[in-house]
Amino acid sequence: MVGLERSELKKLWEAEEAKGFQGWDFSALNGRLEEEELPWDYRAMVQQHLHQETVMLDMGTGGGEFLLSLSPPPGRTYATEAYQPNYELCQAKLPAYGIEVAKVEEDDRLPYQDEFFDLVINRHESFSAREVYRILKPGGVFITQQVGGQNNRELSRYLLGEGAMETPANFDLAHTVRDLTEAGYTVEVQQEFFPEVRFREIGALVYYAKIIEWEFAGFSVERCFEKLCELQDQLEQTGYVSSREHRFMILARRG
């Protein structure tokens, strides 16, 4: 290891570990993390099905950043969020744009009447295929992009050993398409990809691992310090530390 001493690195990494995080805003990683581009455009798919008369739901809206970027129709747009700090943030921000927000913690109990929505979108949020089917109008569209069970699995295993990943390893495109088909949907578009992500600083990896706690359960600089130092050595040799992500996308229509 060259450059900074181990004690100095530890202080820097602990400062990253202590940083706050609000909404679903990863701007603190700009220039420090590079993700391979996905072969599909989730935003474009949503926009193709979003019109001024569309009644839509954004499941797991985070801080509402993506939803607002779509300029959705006021008075016809709804959002759910489970994480209390994000829910409070959305409650303070989204109603001014004509968006109604609901706190939802159970996938199979959404607070909406049958056949209410033309469009339900879901990026990286869990869902019940049958419950989404219930709230969609006949012919309504469900668009989802999911983080699969292999996402960062090797990196998590390296840092923390087996058992730190809370996402099932078999959560993937094939199983999800099967569930949707069995629930009565017609799957019109499906795709899966395993993009590479490169961390240009170990501090960026620390910040990331603290946020994505369901993939790095139990992570701390103190616990993983020796492994982080090994990765620092690797970064000094290659310029980055890489991980393999897992994404899949589905557009399904209710019959």
Protein backbone atom coordinates (compact mmCIF):
# COMPACT_ATOMS: atom_id res chain seq x y z
CA MET A 1 0.00 0.00 0.00
CA VAL A 2 1.43 3.37 -1.02
CA GLY A 3 0.43 6.96 -0.38
CA LEU A 4 -1.66 7.42 2.76
CA GLU A 5 -0.90 5.40 5.89
CA ARG A 6 -3.40 2.81 7.04
CA SER A 7 -4.51 5.01 9.95
CA GLU A 8 -5.20 7.90 7.59
CA LEU A 9 -7.13 5.67 5.22
CA LYS A 10 -9.20 4.37 8.10
CA LYS A 11 -10.16 7.90 9.12
CA LEU A 12 -11.15 8.76 5.56
CA TRP A 13 -13.23 5.61 5.21
CA GLU A 14 -14.92 6.13 8.57
CA ALA A 15 -15.87 9.64 7.43
CA GLU A 16 -17.53 8.09 4.35
CA GLU A 17 -19.30 5.58 6.58
CA ALA A 18 -20.73 8.40 8.71
CA LYS A 19 -22.18 10.42 5.81
CA GLY A 20 -25.95 10.79 5.66
CA PHE A 21 -28.16 9.68 2.79
CA GLN A 22 -31.57 11.07 1.81
CA GLY A 23 -34.12 9.99 -0.75
CA TRP A 24 -32.49 7.83 -3.40
CA ASP A 25 -29.83 10.32 -4.45
CA PHE A 26 -26.41 8.87 -5.27
CA SER A 27 -24.89 12.16 -6.45
CA ALA A 28 -22.20 11.84 -3.77
CA LEU A 29 -20.74 9.04 -5.91
CA ASN A 30 -20.53 11.08 -9.12
CA GLY A 31 -17.08 10.60 -10.65
CA ARG A 32 -16.18 8.00 -8.05
CA LEU A 33 -18.24 5.11 -9.37
CA GLU A 34 -18.83 4.03 -12.97
CA GLU A 35 -21.68 1.74 -14.00
CA GLU A 36 -21.92 -0.05 -17.30
CA GLU A 37 -24.91 1.22 -19.23
CA LEU A 38 -27.99 -0.99 -19.37
CA PRO A 39 -29.15 -2.19 -22.82
CA TRP A 40 -32.65 -0.80 -22.21
CA ASP A 41 -34.00 2.61 -21.21
CA TYR A 42 -36.45 2.35 -18.31
CA ARG A 43 -37.34 6.04 -18.50
CA ALA A 44 -38.15 5.84 -22.22
CA MET A 45 -40.34 2.77 -21.68
CA VAL A 46 -42.32 4.57 -18.99
CA GLN A 47 -42.67 7.73 -21.06
CA GLN A 48 -44.06 5.73 -23.99
CA HIS A 49 -47.00 4.70 -21.81
CA LEU A 50 -47.45 7.95 -19.86
CA HIS A 51 -49.99 10.47 -21.15
CA GLN A 52 -51.90 13.35 -19.61
CA GLU A 53 -54.95 11.16 -19.05
CA THR A 54 -52.96 8.27 -17.53
CA VAL A 55 -53.72 7.27 -13.95
CA MET A 56 -50.39 5.98 -12.70
CA LEU A 57 -48.68 4.59 -9.62
CA ASP A 58 -44.97 4.70 -8.82
CA MET A 59 -44.16 1.92 -6.36
CA GLY A 60 -41.29 2.59 -3.98
CA THR A 61 -40.73 6.13 -5.17
CA GLY A 62 -37.75 6.77 -2.86
CA GLY A 63 -37.47 10.52 -2.54
CA GLY A 64 -39.69 11.05 -5.59
CA GLU A 65 -36.80 12.31 -7.70
CA PHE A 66 -37.38 10.02 -10.69
CA LEU A 67 -41.15 10.43 -10.56
CA LEU A 68 -40.94 14.22 -10.63
CA SER A 69 -38.51 14.07 -13.55
CA LEU A 70 -41.31 12.48 -15.62
CA SER A 71 -43.62 15.51 -15.12
CA PRO A 72 -46.53 13.14 -14.40
CA PRO A 73 -50.14 14.34 -14.69
CA PRO A 74 -51.19 16.13 -11.48
CA GLY A 75 -54.21 14.71 -9.73
CA ARG A 76 -53.78 11.39 -11.54
CA THR A 77 -50.45 10.32 -10.08
CA TYR A 78 -49.88 8.25 -6.94
CA ALA A 79 -46.78 6.96 -5.17
CA THR A 80 -45.94 4.48 -2.43
CA GLU A 81 -42.94 4.39 -0.12
CA ALA A 82 -42.08 2.10 2.79
CA TYR A 83 -38.99 3.76 4.30
CA GLN A 84 -40.17 6.27 6.90
CA PRO A 85 -37.60 9.05 6.23
CA ASN A 86 -38.32 8.90 2.50
CA TYR A 87 -42.07 8.81 3.13
CA GLU A 88 -41.83 11.96 5.23
CA LEU A 89 -39.71 13.61 2.54
CA CYS A 90 -42.30 12.72 -0.12
CA GLN A 91 -45.20 13.90 2.03
CA ALA A 92 -43.52 17.28 2.32
CA LYS A 93 -42.68 17.54 -1.38
CA LEU A 94 -44.98 15.61 -3.72
CA PRO A 95 -48.49 16.86 -2.86
CA ALA A 96 -47.55 20.28 -4.27
CA TYR A 97 -47.23 18.52 -7.65
CA GLY A 98 -50.63 16.86 -7.38
CA ILE A 99 -49.16 13.51 -6.32
CA GLU A 100 -50.76 11.49 -3.52
CA VAL A 101 -48.35 9.50 -1.36
CA ALA A 102 -49.14 6.38 0.69
CA LYS A 103 -46.94 4.55 3.17
CA VAL A 104 -46.99 0.88 2.18
CA GLU A 105 -45.11 -1.88 4.00
CA GLU A 106 -46.98 -5.00 2.81
CA ASP A 107 -46.72 -5.90 -0.87
CA ASP A 108 -50.04 -7.72 -0.93
CA ARG A 109 -52.06 -4.89 0.67
CA LEU A 110 -52.02 -1.80 -1.52
CA PRO A 111 -54.52 0.93 -0.51
CA TYR A 112 -56.19 1.27 -3.90
CA GLN A 113 -59.44 -0.01 -5.37
CA ASP A 114 -59.66 -2.70 -8.02
CA GLU A 115 -58.87 -1.75 -11.63
CA PHE A 116 -57.81 1.80 -10.71
CA PHE A 117 -54.55 2.34 -12.64
CA ASP A 118 -53.66 2.51 -16.31
CA LEU A 119 -49.95 2.26 -15.52
CA VAL A 120 -47.95 0.95 -12.57
CA ILE A 121 -44.19 1.50 -12.56
CA ASN A 122 -41.70 -0.04 -10.19
CA ARG A 123 -37.95 0.46 -10.17
CA HIS A 124 -36.10 -1.67 -7.63
CA GLU A 125 -39.07 -2.18 -5.30
CA SER A 126 -40.58 -5.48 -4.18
CA PHE A 127 -44.09 -6.29 -5.32
CA SER A 128 -46.87 -8.88 -5.36
CA ALA A 129 -47.75 -9.83 -8.93
CA ARG A 130 -51.35 -10.60 -7.97
CA GLU A 131 -51.84 -7.38 -6.02
CA VAL A 132 -50.51 -5.23 -8.86
CA TYR A 133 -52.80 -7.17 -11.22
CA ARG A 134 -55.76 -6.35 -8.96
CA ILE A 135 -55.23 -2.58 -9.10
CA LEU A 136 -54.51 -2.44 -12.85
CA LYS A 137 -57.32 -1.77 -15.30
CA PRO A 138 -57.86 -4.47 -17.94
CA GLY A 139 -55.19 -3.81 -20.55
CA GLY A 140 -53.18 -1.78 -18.03
CA VAL A 141 -49.39 -1.92 -18.11
CA PHE A 142 -46.87 -2.86 -15.41
CA ILE A 143 -43.26 -1.81 -16.03
CA THR A 144 -40.59 -2.92 -13.61
CA GLN A 145 -36.81 -2.87 -13.41
CA GLN A 146 -35.42 -5.06 -10.66
CA VAL A 147 -32.12 -5.69 -8.92
CA GLY A 148 -31.50 -9.42 -9.20
CA GLY A 149 -30.20 -11.80 -6.58
CA GLN A 150 -26.67 -11.93 -8.02
CA ASN A 151 -26.16 -8.19 -7.56
CA ASN A 152 -22.79 -7.56 -5.84
CA ARG A 153 -22.91 -11.10 -4.47
CA GLU A 154 -19.23 -11.85 -5.04
CA LEU A 155 -18.09 -8.54 -3.52
CA SER A 156 -20.37 -9.06 -0.52
CA ARG A 157 -18.97 -12.55 -0.03
CA TYR A 158 -15.42 -11.23 -0.25
CA LEU A 159 -15.97 -8.55 2.39
CA LEU A 160 -18.31 -10.34 4.78
CA GLY A 161 -18.42 -14.03 3.91
CA GLU A 162 -21.57 -16.02 3.24
CA GLY A 163 -24.88 -14.85 4.63
CA ALA A 164 -24.55 -11.07 4.25
CA MET A 165 -26.84 -10.99 1.20
CA GLU A 166 -30.51 -10.78 2.13
CA THR A 167 -31.79 -11.00 -1.48
CA PRO A 168 -32.47 -14.61 -2.56
CA ALA A 169 -29.88 -15.83 -5.07
CA ASN A 170 -32.61 -17.13 -7.40
CA PHE A 171 -34.44 -13.78 -7.70
CA ASP A 172 -34.11 -13.35 -11.46
CA LEU A 173 -35.91 -12.75 -14.74
CA ALA A 174 -37.08 -16.31 -15.32
CA HIS A 175 -38.70 -16.73 -11.91
CA THR A 176 -40.36 -13.29 -12.05
CA VAL A 177 -41.73 -13.86 -15.56
CA ARG A 178 -43.18 -17.15 -14.36
CA ASP A 179 -44.87 -15.45 -11.41
CA LEU A 180 -46.36 -12.73 -13.62
CA THR A 181 -47.60 -15.22 -16.19
CA GLU A 182 -49.22 -17.36 -13.52
CA ALA A 183 -50.95 -14.23 -12.16
CA GLY A 184 -52.56 -13.61 -15.56
CA TYR A 185 -50.31 -11.07 -17.26
CA THR A 186 -49.02 -11.16 -20.81
CA VAL A 187 -45.30 -10.42 -20.69
CA GLU A 188 -44.53 -8.28 -23.74
CA VAL A 189 -40.91 -7.25 -23.07
CA GLN A 190 -38.26 -8.92 -20.94
CA GLN A 191 -34.50 -8.55 -20.65
CA GLU A 192 -31.71 -9.35 -18.19
CA PHE A 193 -28.18 -7.96 -17.89
CA PHE A 194 -25.16 -8.19 -15.59
CA PRO A 195 -23.40 -4.81 -15.80
CA GLU A 196 -19.99 -4.11 -14.33
CA VAL A 197 -19.58 -1.36 -11.75
CA ARG A 198 -16.17 0.14 -11.03
CA PHE A 199 -15.27 1.94 -7.80
CA ARG A 200 -12.53 4.52 -8.36
CA GLU A 201 -12.08 5.07 -4.61
CA ILE A 202 -12.45 2.67 -1.71
CA GLY A 203 -14.25 5.47 0.11
CA ALA A 204 -16.93 5.30 -2.56
CA LEU A 205 -17.30 1.57 -1.92
CA VAL A 206 -17.65 2.22 1.82
CA TYR A 207 -20.37 4.83 1.25
CA TYR A 208 -22.17 2.48 -1.16
CA ALA A 209 -21.99 -0.56 1.13
CA LYS A 210 -23.47 1.36 4.06
CA ILE A 211 -26.45 2.42 1.92
CA ILE A 212 -27.08 -0.98 0.31
CA GLU A 213 -27.24 -2.65 3.71
CA TRP A 214 -29.39 -5.58 2.51
CA GLU A 215 -26.47 -6.70 0.31
CA PHE A 216 -23.72 -5.89 2.82
CA ALA A 217 -25.44 -6.76 6.11
CA GLY A 218 -23.16 -6.06 9.05
CA PHE A 219 -20.68 -4.00 7.04
CA SER A 220 -18.48 -1.51 8.87
CA VAL A 221 -15.03 -0.09 8.25
CA GLU A 222 -13.90 -1.58 11.55
CA ARG A 223 -15.11 -5.08 10.71
CA CYS A 224 -13.91 -5.09 7.10
CA PHE A 225 -10.77 -2.98 7.45
CA GLU A 226 -8.26 -5.62 6.38
CA LYS A 227 -10.33 -6.56 3.32
CA LEU A 228 -10.70 -2.88 2.43
CA CYS A 229 -6.92 -2.48 2.64
CA GLU A 230 -6.51 -5.43 0.25
CA LEU A 231 -8.92 -3.73 -2.15
CA GLN A 232 -6.96 -0.49 -1.77
CA ASP A 233 -3.84 -2.34 -2.91
CA GLN A 234 -5.75 -3.69 -5.90
CA LEU A 235 -7.06 -0.23 -6.76
CA GLU A 236 -3.55 1.20 -6.70
CA GLN A 237 -2.55 -1.44 -9.24
CA THR A 238 -5.50 -1.26 -11.63
CA GLY A 239 -7.15 2.11 -10.93
CA TYR A 240 -10.44 0.57 -9.78
CA VAL A 241 -12.21 -2.20 -7.89
CA SER A 242 -15.02 -3.86 -9.83
CA SER A 243 -18.23 -5.63 -8.92
CA ARG A 244 -20.89 -7.37 -10.97
CA GLU A 245 -24.45 -6.09 -10.79
CA HIS A 246 -27.66 -7.86 -11.82
CA ARG A 247 -30.62 -6.13 -13.48
CA PHE A 248 -33.72 -7.30 -15.27
CA MET A 249 -36.64 -5.48 -16.85
CA ILE A 250 -40.21 -6.54 -17.66
CA LEU A 251 -43.15 -4.90 -19.36
CA ALA A 252 -46.32 -6.88 -18.70
CA ARG A 253 -49.95 -6.20 -19.54
CA ARG A 254 -53.02 -7.22 -17.59
CA GLY A 255 -55.42 -9.34 -19.59
